Amino acid sequence: MEAEFGAPGVQNPAVMDLITLDADADCVVLVMIERRKWGESPRQLHEIEEKINRYLGYALDGFLVQHHPQYEAKRVRIRLDCVEAPHGEALAFVDAAARVARAQGLDFVVNVAPPP
């Protein structure tokens, strides 16, 4: 799949990085992976914004349920996995993203997970 669509990560909006189920919260989690530190690329926030928009469309336009009917009627959470906590401009950006997602009935969270 990577040869056809490219590597997962926020730089590639054409790929859903990971779709998983949080059984405890009974919700579907659409995971975006950001391997760079904040501010490492001048296009970083634009790339994440584009990826968020693709994820919102995937969920809200019915493609998630079309591809995974078992997730019908489940709450959807978009999760940004990143290597460090957002700060500065990135913090304001993720706060705005969370507000936009909530306005559409979805959750948006940031998960800080240092690289392996």
C-alpha atoms as a PDB file:
ATOM      1  CA  MET A   1       0.000   0.000   0.000  1.00  0.00           C
ATOM      2  CA  GLU A   2       2.846   2.398   0.807  1.00  0.00           C
ATOM      3  CA  ALA A   3       4.244   2.011  -2.716  1.00  0.00           C
ATOM      4  CA  GLU A   4       0.885   3.062  -4.152  1.00  0.00           C
ATOM      5  CA  PHE A   5      -0.222   5.809  -1.722  1.00  0.00           C
ATOM      6  CA  GLY A   6       2.970   6.862   0.044  1.00  0.00           C
ATOM      7  CA  ALA A   7       4.062   6.696   3.667  1.00  0.00           C
ATOM      8  CA  PRO A   8       1.636   7.457   6.487  1.00  0.00           C
ATOM      9  CA  GLY A   9       2.061  10.658   8.456  1.00  0.00           C
ATOM     10  CA  VAL A  10       0.660  14.165   8.423  1.00  0.00           C
ATOM     11  CA  GLN A  11       2.699  15.016   5.319  1.00  0.00           C
ATOM     12  CA  ASN A  12       0.516  12.616   3.316  1.00  0.00           C
ATOM     13  CA  PRO A  13      -3.157  13.632   3.397  1.00  0.00           C
ATOM     14  CA  ALA A  14      -4.117  10.799   1.027  1.00  0.00           C
ATOM     15  CA  VAL A  15      -3.538   8.134   3.694  1.00  0.00           C
ATOM     16  CA  MET A  16      -5.485   7.333   6.848  1.00  0.00           C
ATOM     17  CA  ASP A  17      -2.545   6.652   9.176  1.00  0.00           C
ATOM     18  CA  LEU A  18      -4.461   4.379  11.554  1.00  0.00           C
ATOM     19  CA  ILE A  19      -8.073   3.529  12.319  1.00  0.00           C
ATOM     20  CA  THR A  20      -8.628   1.816  15.641  1.00  0.00           C
ATOM     21  CA  LEU A  21     -11.328   1.244  18.227  1.00  0.00           C
ATOM     22  CA  ASP A  22     -11.111   2.515  21.787  1.00  0.00           C
ATOM     23  CA  ALA A  23     -13.236  -0.151  23.448  1.00  0.00           C
ATOM     24  CA  ASP A  24     -13.216   1.609  26.829  1.00  0.00           C
ATOM     25  CA  ALA A  25     -14.654   4.818  25.360  1.00  0.00           C
ATOM     26  CA  ASP A  26     -16.656   2.923  22.711  1.00  0.00           C
ATOM     27  CA  CYS A  27     -15.408   5.200  19.936  1.00  0.00           C
ATOM     28  CA  VAL A  28     -13.524   4.964  16.685  1.00  0.00           C
ATOM     29  CA  VAL A  29     -10.142   6.681  16.696  1.00  0.00           C
ATOM     30  CA  LEU A  30      -8.683   8.118  13.509  1.00  0.00           C
ATOM     31  CA  VAL A  31      -4.986   8.562  14.237  1.00  0.00           C
ATOM     32  CA  MET A  32      -2.666  11.064  12.542  1.00  0.00           C
ATOM     33  CA  ILE A  33       1.065  10.624  13.062  1.00  0.00           C
ATOM     34  CA  GLU A  34       3.431  13.588  13.349  1.00  0.00           C
ATOM     35  CA  ARG A  35       7.028  12.435  13.747  1.00  0.00           C
ATOM     36  CA  ARG A  36       8.606  15.906  13.656  1.00  0.00           C
ATOM     37  CA  LYS A  37       9.051  18.337  16.522  1.00  0.00           C
ATOM     38  CA  TRP A  38       6.862  21.425  16.437  1.00  0.00           C
ATOM     39  CA  GLY A  39       8.224  24.108  14.151  1.00  0.00           C
ATOM     40  CA  GLU A  40      10.569  21.750  12.329  1.00  0.00           C
ATOM     41  CA  SER A  41       8.899  22.512   8.991  1.00  0.00           C
ATOM     42  CA  PRO A  42       7.368  25.787   7.823  1.00  0.00           C
ATOM     43  CA  ARG A  43       4.534  23.751   6.232  1.00  0.00           C
ATOM     44  CA  GLN A  44       3.836  21.626   9.305  1.00  0.00           C
ATOM     45  CA  LEU A  45       0.630  23.306  10.508  1.00  0.00           C
ATOM     46  CA  HIS A  46      -0.695  23.521   6.950  1.00  0.00           C
ATOM     47  CA  GLU A  47      -0.036  19.795   6.458  1.00  0.00           C
ATOM     48  CA  ILE A  48      -1.773  18.917   9.717  1.00  0.00           C
ATOM     49  CA  GLU A  49      -4.719  21.157   8.823  1.00  0.00           C
ATOM     50  CA  GLU A  50      -5.092  19.425   5.474  1.00  0.00           C
ATOM     51  CA  LYS A  51      -4.930  16.016   7.151  1.00  0.00           C
ATOM     52  CA  ILE A  52      -7.545  17.063   9.731  1.00  0.00           C
ATOM     53  CA  ASN A  53      -9.834  18.252   6.946  1.00  0.00           C
ATOM     54  CA  ARG A  54      -9.456  14.910   5.160  1.00  0.00           C
ATOM     55  CA  TYR A  55     -10.226  13.018   8.382  1.00  0.00           C
ATOM     56  CA  LEU A  56     -13.278  15.198   9.056  1.00  0.00           C
ATOM     57  CA  GLY A  57     -14.527  14.556   5.537  1.00  0.00           C
ATOM     58  CA  TYR A  58     -13.877  10.829   5.847  1.00  0.00           C
ATOM     59  CA  ALA A  59     -16.010  10.643   8.983  1.00  0.00           C
ATOM     60  CA  LEU A  60     -18.689  13.226   8.201  1.00  0.00           C
ATOM     61  CA  ASP A  61     -19.250  12.284   4.554  1.00  0.00           C
ATOM     62  CA  GLY A  62     -19.921   8.648   5.470  1.00  0.00           C
ATOM     63  CA  PHE A  63     -16.784   7.001   4.101  1.00  0.00           C
ATOM     64  CA  LEU A  64     -15.744   5.647   7.510  1.00  0.00           C
ATOM     65  CA  VAL A  65     -19.011   3.741   7.879  1.00  0.00           C
ATOM     66  CA  GLN A  66     -18.996   2.753   4.211  1.00  0.00           C
ATOM     67  CA  HIS A  67     -15.555   1.171   4.611  1.00  0.00           C
ATOM     68  CA  HIS A  68     -16.117  -0.058   8.188  1.00  0.00           C
ATOM     69  CA  PRO A  69     -19.844  -0.676   8.728  1.00  0.00           C
ATOM     70  CA  GLN A  70     -19.147  -2.105  12.178  1.00  0.00           C
ATOM     71  CA  TYR A  71     -18.391   1.464  13.336  1.00  0.00           C
ATOM     72  CA  GLU A  72     -21.830   2.841  12.488  1.00  0.00           C
ATOM     73  CA  ALA A  73     -23.297   4.887  15.349  1.00  0.00           C
ATOM     74  CA  LYS A  74     -19.957   5.025  17.175  1.00  0.00           C
ATOM     75  CA  ARG A  75     -18.511   8.342  18.271  1.00  0.00           C
ATOM     76  CA  VAL A  76     -15.435   9.425  16.292  1.00  0.00           C
ATOM     77  CA  ARG A  77     -12.247  10.822  17.794  1.00  0.00           C
ATOM     78  CA  ILE A  78      -9.423  12.276  15.735  1.00  0.00           C
ATOM     79  CA  ARG A  79      -6.121  11.838  17.535  1.00  0.00           C
ATOM     80  CA  LEU A  80      -2.891  13.576  16.661  1.00  0.00           C
ATOM     81  CA  ASP A  81       0.074  11.514  17.845  1.00  0.00           C
ATOM     82  CA  CYS A  82       3.136  13.731  18.150  1.00  0.00           C
ATOM     83  CA  VAL A  83       6.618  13.506  19.648  1.00  0.00           C
ATOM     84  CA  GLU A  84       6.295  16.513  21.939  1.00  0.00           C
ATOM     85  CA  ALA A  85       3.527  18.585  23.492  1.00  0.00           C
ATOM     86  CA  PRO A  86       2.293  21.420  21.294  1.00  0.00           C
ATOM     87  CA  HIS A  87       3.627  24.841  22.273  1.00  0.00           C
ATOM     88  CA  GLY A  88       3.447  28.372  20.927  1.00  0.00           C
ATOM     89  CA  GLU A  89       1.624  28.630  17.626  1.00  0.00           C
ATOM     90  CA  ALA A  90       1.058  24.858  17.568  1.00  0.00           C
ATOM     91  CA  LEU A  91      -0.855  24.993  20.864  1.00  0.00           C
ATOM     92  CA  ALA A  92      -3.265  27.618  19.512  1.00  0.00           C
ATOM     93  CA  PHE A  93      -3.599  25.551  16.329  1.00  0.00           C
ATOM     94  CA  VAL A  94      -4.575  22.298  18.088  1.00  0.00           C
ATOM     95  CA  ASP A  95      -6.997  24.174  20.367  1.00  0.00           C
ATOM     96  CA  ALA A  96      -8.699  25.591  17.263  1.00  0.00           C
ATOM     97  CA  ALA A  97      -8.757  22.138  15.656  1.00  0.00           C
ATOM     98  CA  ALA A  98     -10.466  20.715  18.745  1.00  0.00           C
ATOM     99  CA  ARG A  99     -13.136  23.450  18.600  1.00  0.00           C
ATOM    100  CA  VAL A 100     -13.793  22.763  14.906  1.00  0.00           C
ATOM    101  CA  ALA A 101     -14.066  19.014  15.501  1.00  0.00           C
ATOM    102  CA  ARG A 102     -16.445  19.513  18.451  1.00  0.00           C
ATOM    103  CA  ALA A 103     -18.622  21.806  16.330  1.00  0.00           C
ATOM    104  CA  GLN A 104     -18.968  18.900  13.897  1.00  0.00           C
ATOM    105  CA  GLY A 105     -19.787  16.391  16.655  1.00  0.00           C
ATOM    106  CA  LEU A 106     -16.349  14.754  16.741  1.00  0.00           C
ATOM    107  CA  ASP A 107     -13.587  14.746  19.319  1.00  0.00           C
ATOM    108  CA  PHE A 108     -10.011  15.879  18.709  1.00  0.00           C
ATOM    109  CA  VAL A 109      -7.182  15.015  21.075  1.00  0.00           C
ATOM    110  CA  VAL A 110      -3.412  15.242  21.109  1.00  0.00           C
ATOM    111  CA  ASN A 111      -1.380  12.271  22.284  1.00  0.00           C
ATOM    112  CA  VAL A 112       2.271  12.903  23.086  1.00  0.00           C
ATOM    113  CA  ALA A 113       4.285   9.761  22.459  1.00  0.00           C
ATOM    114  CA  PRO A 114       8.060  10.080  22.175  1.00  0.00           C
ATOM    115  CA  PRO A 115       9.529   8.163  19.231  1.00  0.00           C
ATOM    116  CA  PRO A 116      10.562   4.564  19.917  1.00  0.00           C
END
